Amino acid sequence: MERISDANLTGNELKRVRQKRRILSLLYKHIMLTGPEISKRIGVSLPTALSLIYELIDQNLVETRGSAESSGGRRPALYGLAGNSLVVVACEIERYKGKVVLYNSNNQKISPIHYFDTNINDDQLTKKILTHARQLIEENKIEEKRVFGIGVIMPGLIDERQGVNFSIRNKKLGNIQERLHQEFPKIIYVNNDARMQAFGEYIFGAARNHKNSIIVNWSWGIGLGIIMEGKLYNGSDGFAGELSHIQMVEDGNLCFCGKRGCLETVSSASVIVNEAMQGIKEKRVSQLTEKFKENPCSLTPEDVIIAAKSGDEFSIQLLHQVGLALGKGLALTIHLLNPEMIVLGGPVSTANQFVLNPIQQSLNKYCLEHIAANTKLVISDIWEHSGLLGVTAMLYQKIFSELMD
């Protein structure tokens, strides 16, 4: 199997290739379809559809999966994408670590997740990604010819068309797509983590079937992805959704981005940790003070959430504070976009009612009543994997648009 330019094909060959691409895309979306269903969806006769399907079976891209129920007569065969015949590498770079995993075309993880220390300004970033990707491919006995691409998500201002992260300080290292492709000549796709988390939630999670939704990744920053009219909204340059960097406090604390008073400086996991560490230093009455007085730097947002859930008033107060701040930022977003749903993900979202209640208080305070009343606020069940699933789905879309026989 190889990929060649459409320009090298005759008219009939090009038509047939595009029909096969459409079949692969349909099977990815619908999991299983019968020959008649495929025939109808791509607008060809049943014999033509079956001929295309048989060619894809010969290429080990499609397999038969039993028979569908019949309304009379012979039961039609069901077809689906063939197991591990197509594999991709999904990689997520967070503020302080990275993770890499393999997915097949049925959106199933077929490897453990490899974790490693890194950040977007790590000059060894692409080397680490490829090292762990190749280890997974080898350990799980996947033929490299079956691996069709790498999808990478990370924080920052990212141009998905070029695969460039403009937030990387060393501009020579900003073109992640090019750097990866030099060492791994497959399809490489790079995008912002919040946008791919939004795509993952829309395809697989809480935002499924909600065509106007916003998805928030509440972590060390405040990532925002936008689903508008059933499509991922990137903005004119691919930078839409930078909620984290709207100014909330005039001359406030210095933000990671270099500006002051951003939403991130009053409502992120960093705020929770910094405020908790300050409380420990001041010997506030709290479980956290007792537990972390000898080593406050080891404290995590999860520790604060655990303490809150066990009734620690100081921790509850901290979560209430950041919830109110995020709610104010979300109120601005609701007025601009009028979403039907807001999906919260990320480690801070696991605080549940300790953050949901103050968020709702802010929405009640800052939103027009009719707009806020029609916006549903939920917590994601898949947030730990939504970004990986989102970039996997996007990568397969690109693969099916380029596959050739």
Protein backbone atom coordinates (compact mmCIF):
# COMPACT_ATOMS: atom_id res chain seq x y z
CA MET A 1 0.00 0.00 0.00
CA GLU A 2 1.35 3.46 -0.81
CA ARG A 3 0.29 7.06 -1.09
CA ILE A 4 0.70 8.82 -4.41
CA SER A 5 -0.51 12.09 -5.82
CA ASP A 6 -4.02 12.29 -7.25
CA ALA A 7 -2.42 14.11 -10.19
CA ASN A 8 -0.91 10.79 -11.36
CA LEU A 9 -4.31 9.11 -11.76
CA THR A 10 -6.69 8.92 -14.69
CA GLY A 11 -10.22 10.20 -14.28
CA ASN A 12 -11.72 6.77 -13.54
CA GLU A 13 -8.87 5.81 -11.20
CA LEU A 14 -9.24 9.04 -9.26
CA LYS A 15 -13.00 8.54 -8.97
CA ARG A 16 -12.52 5.02 -7.64
CA VAL A 17 -9.85 6.06 -5.15
CA ARG A 18 -12.05 8.82 -3.80
CA GLN A 19 -14.91 6.36 -3.40
CA LYS A 20 -12.67 4.03 -1.40
CA ARG A 21 -11.54 6.92 0.77
CA ARG A 22 -15.18 7.71 1.42
CA ILE A 23 -15.88 4.11 2.42
CA LEU A 24 -12.99 4.11 4.90
CA SER A 25 -14.18 7.38 6.39
CA LEU A 26 -17.76 6.07 6.70
CA LEU A 27 -16.63 2.87 8.40
CA TYR A 28 -14.48 4.87 10.80
CA LYS A 29 -17.47 7.03 11.71
CA HIS A 30 -20.16 4.34 11.85
CA ILE A 31 -18.04 1.35 12.99
CA MET A 32 -19.97 -1.15 10.83
CA LEU A 33 -22.12 -0.84 7.69
CA THR A 34 -23.67 -3.23 5.20
CA GLY A 35 -22.96 -3.20 1.48
CA PRO A 36 -26.38 -1.63 0.67
CA GLU A 37 -25.80 1.09 3.29
CA ILE A 38 -22.40 1.91 1.85
CA SER A 39 -23.83 1.87 -1.67
CA LYS A 40 -26.49 4.40 -0.70
CA ARG A 41 -24.15 6.68 1.24
CA ILE A 42 -21.52 7.01 -1.50
CA GLY A 43 -24.08 7.08 -4.31
CA VAL A 44 -23.04 4.05 -6.36
CA SER A 45 -24.69 0.78 -7.34
CA LEU A 46 -24.44 -2.18 -4.97
CA PRO A 47 -22.16 -4.18 -7.32
CA THR A 48 -19.80 -1.18 -7.55
CA ALA A 49 -19.84 -0.71 -3.77
CA LEU A 50 -19.07 -4.40 -3.19
CA SER A 51 -16.26 -4.29 -5.74
CA LEU A 52 -14.70 -1.36 -3.86
CA ILE A 53 -15.17 -3.13 -0.52
CA TYR A 54 -13.51 -6.31 -1.81
CA GLU A 55 -10.51 -4.30 -2.98
CA LEU A 56 -10.22 -2.76 0.48
CA ILE A 57 -10.47 -6.24 2.02
CA ASP A 58 -7.62 -7.40 -0.25
CA GLN A 59 -5.58 -4.45 1.06
CA ASN A 60 -6.28 -5.56 4.66
CA LEU A 61 -8.04 -2.28 5.34
CA VAL A 62 -11.58 -3.66 5.71
CA GLU A 63 -12.91 -6.90 7.17
CA THR A 64 -16.24 -8.74 7.29
CA ARG A 65 -17.94 -8.67 10.69
CA GLY A 66 -20.81 -11.11 10.50
CA SER A 67 -24.28 -10.35 9.14
CA ALA A 68 -26.91 -7.71 9.80
CA GLU A 69 -30.56 -8.37 10.54
CA SER A 70 -32.60 -9.00 7.42
CA SER A 71 -35.98 -7.52 6.57
CA GLY A 72 -36.54 -10.47 4.25
CA GLY A 73 -34.24 -12.58 2.12
CA ARG A 74 -30.53 -13.07 2.56
CA ARG A 75 -28.87 -11.31 5.51
CA PRO A 76 -26.39 -8.69 4.27
CA ALA A 77 -22.77 -8.83 5.43
CA LEU A 78 -21.46 -6.21 7.85
CA TYR A 79 -18.14 -4.52 7.10
CA GLY A 80 -15.77 -2.64 9.39
CA LEU A 81 -12.21 -1.39 9.44
CA ALA A 82 -9.68 -4.16 9.93
CA GLY A 83 -8.27 -4.20 13.48
CA ASN A 84 -4.65 -3.18 13.66
CA SER A 85 -4.06 -2.83 9.94
CA LEU A 86 -3.99 0.94 10.44
CA VAL A 87 -2.25 2.31 13.53
CA VAL A 88 -1.42 5.84 14.64
CA VAL A 89 0.68 7.36 17.39
CA ALA A 90 -1.15 9.86 19.60
CA CYS A 91 0.95 12.19 21.74
CA GLU A 92 -0.07 14.81 24.29
CA ILE A 93 2.40 17.36 25.65
CA GLU A 94 1.30 18.97 28.91
CA ARG A 95 2.91 21.76 30.96
CA TYR A 96 5.44 19.44 32.58
CA LYS A 97 5.15 16.00 30.94
CA GLY A 98 4.28 14.13 27.79
CA LYS A 99 2.47 10.91 27.00
CA VAL A 100 2.43 8.68 23.94
CA VAL A 101 0.10 5.80 23.04
CA LEU A 102 -0.92 3.74 19.99
CA TYR A 103 -4.50 3.64 18.67
CA ASN A 104 -5.98 1.45 15.96
CA SER A 105 -8.67 2.53 13.51
CA ASN A 106 -11.39 1.36 15.89
CA ASN A 107 -10.27 4.03 18.38
CA GLN A 108 -8.92 1.34 20.68
CA LYS A 109 -5.70 1.77 22.64
CA ILE A 110 -3.41 -1.05 21.60
CA SER A 111 -0.51 -0.16 23.86
CA PRO A 112 0.15 1.12 27.36
CA ILE A 113 0.75 4.86 27.71
CA HIS A 114 4.40 5.93 27.91
CA TYR A 115 4.97 9.00 30.12
CA PHE A 116 8.05 11.20 30.00
CA ASP A 117 9.28 14.51 31.39
CA THR A 118 9.22 17.37 28.90
CA ASN A 119 7.63 20.72 27.98
CA ILE A 120 7.02 22.68 24.80
CA ASN A 121 10.40 24.45 25.12
CA ASP A 122 12.38 21.22 25.54
CA ASP A 123 14.96 21.19 22.72
CA GLN A 124 14.78 17.38 22.82
CA LEU A 125 10.99 17.30 22.51
CA THR A 126 10.67 15.69 19.08
CA LYS A 127 13.46 13.24 19.84
CA LYS A 128 11.64 12.14 23.01
CA ILE A 129 8.34 11.76 21.14
CA LEU A 130 9.92 9.57 18.46
CA THR A 131 11.94 7.54 20.97
CA HIS A 132 8.83 6.61 22.94
CA ALA A 133 6.74 6.09 19.82
CA ARG A 134 9.28 3.64 18.38
CA GLN A 135 9.54 1.84 21.71
CA LEU A 136 5.77 1.32 21.74
CA ILE A 137 5.76 0.12 18.13
CA GLU A 138 8.53 -2.38 18.88
CA GLU A 139 7.20 -3.54 22.26
CA ASN A 140 3.73 -4.18 20.84
CA LYS A 141 5.09 -5.93 17.72
CA ILE A 142 3.47 -3.53 15.25
CA GLU A 143 4.94 -3.49 11.75
CA GLU A 144 6.11 0.06 11.05
CA LYS A 145 4.41 -0.02 7.66
CA ARG A 146 1.10 -0.30 9.56
CA VAL A 147 1.81 2.97 11.41
CA PHE A 148 0.43 5.76 9.25
CA GLY A 149 1.07 8.87 11.28
CA ILE A 150 1.70 10.78 14.47
CA GLY A 151 -0.73 13.24 16.01
CA VAL A 152 0.63 15.70 18.57
CA ILE A 153 -1.31 18.07 20.81
CA MET A 154 0.25 20.69 23.05
CA PRO A 155 -0.40 24.07 24.67
CA GLY A 156 0.33 27.21 22.68
CA LEU A 157 -0.55 29.21 19.59
CA ILE A 158 -0.47 26.55 16.89
CA ASP A 159 -0.96 26.81 13.13
CA GLU A 160 -2.36 23.35 12.33
CA ARG A 161 -1.77 23.83 8.59
CA GLN A 162 1.98 24.13 9.05
CA GLY A 163 2.32 22.31 12.36
CA VAL A 164 4.07 25.31 13.94
CA ASN A 165 3.80 26.22 17.62
CA PHE A 166 4.43 29.97 17.88
CA SER A 167 4.57 29.79 21.68
CA ILE A 168 7.87 27.90 21.62
CA ARG A 169 10.56 30.39 22.67
CA ASN A 170 13.24 29.13 20.26
CA LYS A 171 11.60 29.91 16.91
CA LYS A 172 13.95 27.48 15.14
CA LEU A 173 12.26 24.65 17.05
CA GLY A 174 8.69 25.84 16.48
CA ASN A 175 7.92 23.70 13.42
CA ILE A 176 7.07 20.47 15.21
CA GLN A 177 5.53 18.91 12.10
CA GLU A 178 8.64 19.42 9.99
CA ARG A 179 11.00 18.22 12.73
CA LEU A 180 9.03 15.01 13.25
CA HIS A 181 8.58 14.37 9.54
CA GLN A 182 12.34 14.55 8.92
CA GLU A 183 12.85 11.52 11.18
CA PHE A 184 9.48 9.80 10.67
CA PRO A 185 8.21 10.32 7.10
CA LYS A 186 4.55 9.62 7.77
CA ILE A 187 1.52 11.87 8.13
CA ILE A 188 2.20 14.32 10.97
CA TYR A 189 -0.57 16.40 12.52
CA VAL A 190 -0.06 19.02 15.23
CA ASN A 191 -2.71 21.10 16.97
CA ASN A 192 -3.57 22.88 20.19
CA ASP A 193 -4.47 20.59 23.09
CA ALA A 194 -7.73 22.35 24.02
CA ARG A 195 -9.05 22.21 20.45
CA MET A 196 -8.32 18.50 20.16
CA GLN A 197 -9.90 17.86 23.56
CA ALA A 198 -12.98 19.65 22.26
CA PHE A 199 -12.96 17.50 19.13
CA GLY A 200 -12.61 14.36 21.24
CA GLU A 201 -15.53 15.39 23.45
CA TYR A 202 -17.66 16.14 20.39
CA ILE A 203 -16.93 12.81 18.70
CA PHE A 204 -16.77 10.53 21.74
CA GLY A 205 -17.80 12.36 24.91
CA ALA A 206 -20.23 14.64 26.69
CA ALA A 207 -20.55 17.10 23.79
CA ARG A 208 -21.58 14.40 21.32
CA ASN A 209 -24.62 15.52 19.29
CA HIS A 210 -24.34 19.05 20.73
CA LYS A 211 -23.44 21.19 17.74
CA ASN A 212 -22.69 24.39 19.67
CA SER A 213 -20.51 23.61 22.67
CA ILE A 214 -17.44 24.87 24.43
CA ILE A 215 -15.04 22.50 26.15
CA VAL A 216 -12.73 23.72 28.93
CA ASN A 217 -9.52 21.99 29.94
CA TRP A 218 -9.05 23.20 33.52
CA SER A 219 -5.46 22.48 34.42
CA TRP A 220 -2.28 24.57 34.82
CA GLY A 221 -3.85 26.82 32.21
CA ILE A 222 -7.43 27.31 31.02
CA GLY A 223 -7.75 25.71 27.58
CA LEU A 224 -10.88 26.34 25.52
CA GLY A 225 -12.11 24.47 22.45
CA ILE A 226 -15.12 25.57 20.43
CA ILE A 227 -17.60 23.44 18.50
CA MET A 228 -19.67 25.70 16.27
CA GLU A 229 -22.47 24.37 14.08
CA GLY A 230 -21.05 20.88 14.47
CA LYS A 231 -17.53 21.82 13.40
CA LEU A 232 -14.33 22.50 15.31
CA TYR A 233 -13.74 26.24 15.20
CA ASN A 234 -10.09 27.24 14.79
CA GLY A 235 -10.38 30.94 13.91
CA SER A 236 -8.75 32.70 10.97
CA ASP A 237 -5.19 31.79 11.99
CA GLY A 238 -5.96 28.75 14.12
CA PHE A 239 -5.66 30.60 17.42
CA ALA A 240 -9.30 30.66 18.58
CA GLY A 241 -10.11 29.80 22.19
CA GLU A 242 -7.36 31.56 24.17
CA LEU A 243 -9.68 32.08 27.14
CA SER A 244 -6.75 31.64 29.52
CA HIS A 245 -5.28 34.97 28.43
CA ILE A 246 -8.19 37.38 28.64
CA GLN A 247 -7.41 40.00 31.26
CA MET A 248 -9.44 39.66 34.45
CA VAL A 249 -7.41 41.82 36.86
CA GLU A 250 -5.88 45.19 36.00
CA ASP A 251 -2.14 45.03 36.79
CA GLY A 252 -2.64 41.57 38.29
CA ASN A 253 -0.13 38.77 38.75
CA LEU A 254 2.32 37.95 35.99
CA CYS A 255 1.02 35.23 33.68
CA PHE A 256 2.93 32.41 31.99
CA CYS A 257 2.34 34.29 28.69
CA GLY A 258 4.21 37.39 29.93
CA LYS A 259 1.16 39.60 30.49
CA ARG A 260 -0.55 40.46 33.77
CA GLY A 261 -3.94 39.65 35.23
CA CYS A 262 -4.94 36.89 32.80
CA LEU A 263 -7.74 34.49 33.74
CA GLU A 264 -5.04 31.86 34.23
CA THR A 265 -3.56 33.91 37.08
CA VAL A 266 -6.78 33.77 39.12
CA SER A 267 -8.42 30.44 38.28
CA SER A 268 -5.91 27.77 37.23
CA ALA A 269 -4.36 24.82 39.03
CA SER A 270 -1.26 26.98 39.50
CA VAL A 271 -3.33 29.42 41.58
CA ILE A 272 -4.66 26.59 43.73
CA VAL A 273 -1.17 25.27 44.44
CA ASN A 274 0.42 28.70 45.03
CA GLU A 275 -2.37 29.83 47.37
CA ALA A 276 -2.26 26.54 49.26
CA MET A 277 1.52 26.79 49.67
CA GLN A 278 1.13 30.34 50.95
CA GLY A 279 -1.47 29.13 53.44
CA ILE A 280 0.89 26.41 54.66
CA LYS A 281 3.65 29.02 55.07
CA GLU A 282 1.26 31.17 57.12
CA LYS A 283 0.29 28.07 59.17
CA ARG A 284 -3.37 28.25 58.25
CA VAL A 285 -5.62 25.77 60.03
CA SER A 286 -5.85 23.02 57.41
CA GLN A 287 -5.12 19.38 56.75
CA LEU A 288 -2.67 20.66 54.12
CA THR A 289 -0.59 22.55 56.69
CA GLU A 290 -0.19 19.45 58.81
CA LYS A 291 0.54 17.14 55.90
CA PHE A 292 2.87 19.36 53.83
CA LYS A 293 4.55 21.60 56.41
CA GLU A 294 7.89 19.83 55.87
CA ASN A 295 7.68 19.80 52.07
CA PRO A 296 5.06 22.23 50.70
CA CYS A 297 6.56 22.08 47.20
CA SER A 298 5.32 18.50 46.81
CA LEU A 299 1.69 19.62 47.06
CA THR A 300 -0.51 19.10 43.97
CA PRO A 301 -3.98 20.35 42.94
CA GLU A 302 -5.26 16.83 43.57
CA ASP A 303 -4.15 17.10 47.22
CA VAL A 304 -6.26 20.23 47.66
CA ILE A 305 -9.28 18.54 46.06
CA ILE A 306 -8.91 15.47 48.28
CA ALA A 307 -8.72 17.70 51.37
CA ALA A 308 -11.83 19.63 50.26
CA LYS A 309 -13.77 16.41 49.80
CA SER A 310 -12.87 15.41 53.36
CA GLY A 311 -14.23 18.71 54.71
CA ASP A 312 -11.12 20.91 54.89
CA GLU A 313 -12.47 24.49 54.98
CA PHE A 314 -9.29 26.13 53.67
CA SER A 315 -9.24 23.84 50.63
CA ILE A 316 -12.95 24.37 50.02
CA GLN A 317 -12.36 28.13 50.12
CA LEU A 318 -9.53 27.90 47.56
CA LEU A 319 -11.67 25.89 45.14
CA HIS A 320 -14.59 28.27 45.64
CA GLN A 321 -12.32 31.20 44.81
CA VAL A 322 -11.02 29.77 41.53
CA GLY A 323 -14.52 28.57 40.59
CA LEU A 324 -15.91 32.09 40.91
CA ALA A 325 -13.08 33.45 38.74
CA LEU A 326 -13.53 30.83 36.02
CA GLY A 327 -17.29 31.38 36.09
CA LYS A 328 -16.79 35.07 35.31
CA GLY A 329 -14.61 34.16 32.33
CA LEU A 330 -17.17 31.63 31.14
CA ALA A 331 -19.92 34.23 31.46
CA LEU A 332 -18.10 36.40 28.90
CA THR A 333 -17.75 33.38 26.61
CA ILE A 334 -21.44 32.49 26.92
CA HIS A 335 -22.46 36.01 25.90
CA LEU A 336 -20.23 35.83 22.84
CA LEU A 337 -20.96 32.29 21.64
CA ASN A 338 -24.32 31.30 23.18
CA PRO A 339 -23.37 27.59 23.51
CA GLU A 340 -25.89 24.90 24.38
CA MET A 341 -23.33 23.12 26.57
CA ILE A 342 -20.13 23.77 28.51
CA VAL A 343 -18.03 20.67 29.20
CA LEU A 344 -15.45 20.93 31.97
CA GLY A 345 -12.43 18.65 31.91
CA GLY A 346 -8.95 18.62 33.39
CA PRO A 347 -7.76 17.79 36.91
CA VAL A 348 -9.52 20.72 38.61
CA SER A 349 -12.89 19.58 37.24
CA THR A 350 -12.67 16.51 39.50
CA ALA A 351 -13.55 18.80 42.42
CA ASN A 352 -17.14 18.49 41.18
CA GLN A 353 -19.60 20.48 43.33
CA PHE A 354 -16.78 22.43 45.02
CA VAL A 355 -16.17 24.23 41.71
CA LEU A 356 -19.49 23.74 39.94
CA ASN A 357 -21.43 25.68 42.57
CA PRO A 358 -19.26 28.83 42.48
CA ILE A 359 -19.10 28.69 38.68
CA GLN A 360 -22.89 28.67 38.59
CA GLN A 361 -22.95 31.58 41.05
CA SER A 362 -20.79 33.63 38.70
CA LEU A 363 -22.90 32.68 35.70
CA ASN A 364 -26.00 33.79 37.59
CA LYS A 365 -24.30 37.07 38.48
CA TYR A 366 -22.67 38.01 35.18
CA CYS A 367 -24.86 36.35 32.51
CA LEU A 368 -28.16 37.49 31.13
CA GLU A 369 -30.65 35.16 32.73
CA HIS A 370 -32.20 33.78 29.54
CA ILE A 371 -28.81 32.95 28.00
CA ALA A 372 -27.40 31.29 31.12
CA ALA A 373 -30.57 29.28 31.70
CA ASN A 374 -30.23 27.61 28.30
CA THR A 375 -26.57 26.61 28.75
CA LYS A 376 -25.94 23.21 30.32
CA LEU A 377 -22.82 22.79 32.48
CA VAL A 378 -21.38 19.26 32.76
CA ILE A 379 -18.15 17.52 33.74
CA SER A 380 -16.44 15.25 31.23
CA ASP A 381 -16.16 11.52 31.86
CA ILE A 382 -13.30 11.10 29.37
CA TRP A 383 -11.18 14.22 29.92
CA GLU A 384 -8.01 12.24 30.61
CA HIS A 385 -8.20 10.77 27.10
CA SER A 386 -10.30 13.28 25.13
CA GLY A 387 -7.29 15.02 23.60
CA LEU A 388 -5.66 11.76 22.52
CA LEU A 389 -8.97 10.54 21.08
CA GLY A 390 -9.53 13.86 19.33
CA VAL A 391 -6.15 13.96 17.63
CA THR A 392 -6.53 10.28 16.71
CA ALA A 393 -9.86 10.97 14.98
CA MET A 394 -8.42 13.99 13.18
CA LEU A 395 -5.37 12.02 12.09
CA TYR A 396 -7.50 9.20 10.67
CA GLN A 397 -9.50 11.75 8.67
CA LYS A 398 -6.25 12.90 7.10
CA ILE A 399 -5.08 9.34 6.51
CA PHE A 400 -8.28 8.37 4.72
CA SER A 401 -7.96 11.42 2.50
CA GLU A 402 -4.49 10.31 1.36
CA LEU A 403 -4.60 6.50 1.27
CA MET A 404 -4.02 4.99 -2.15
CA ASP A 405 -3.82 1.47 -3.55
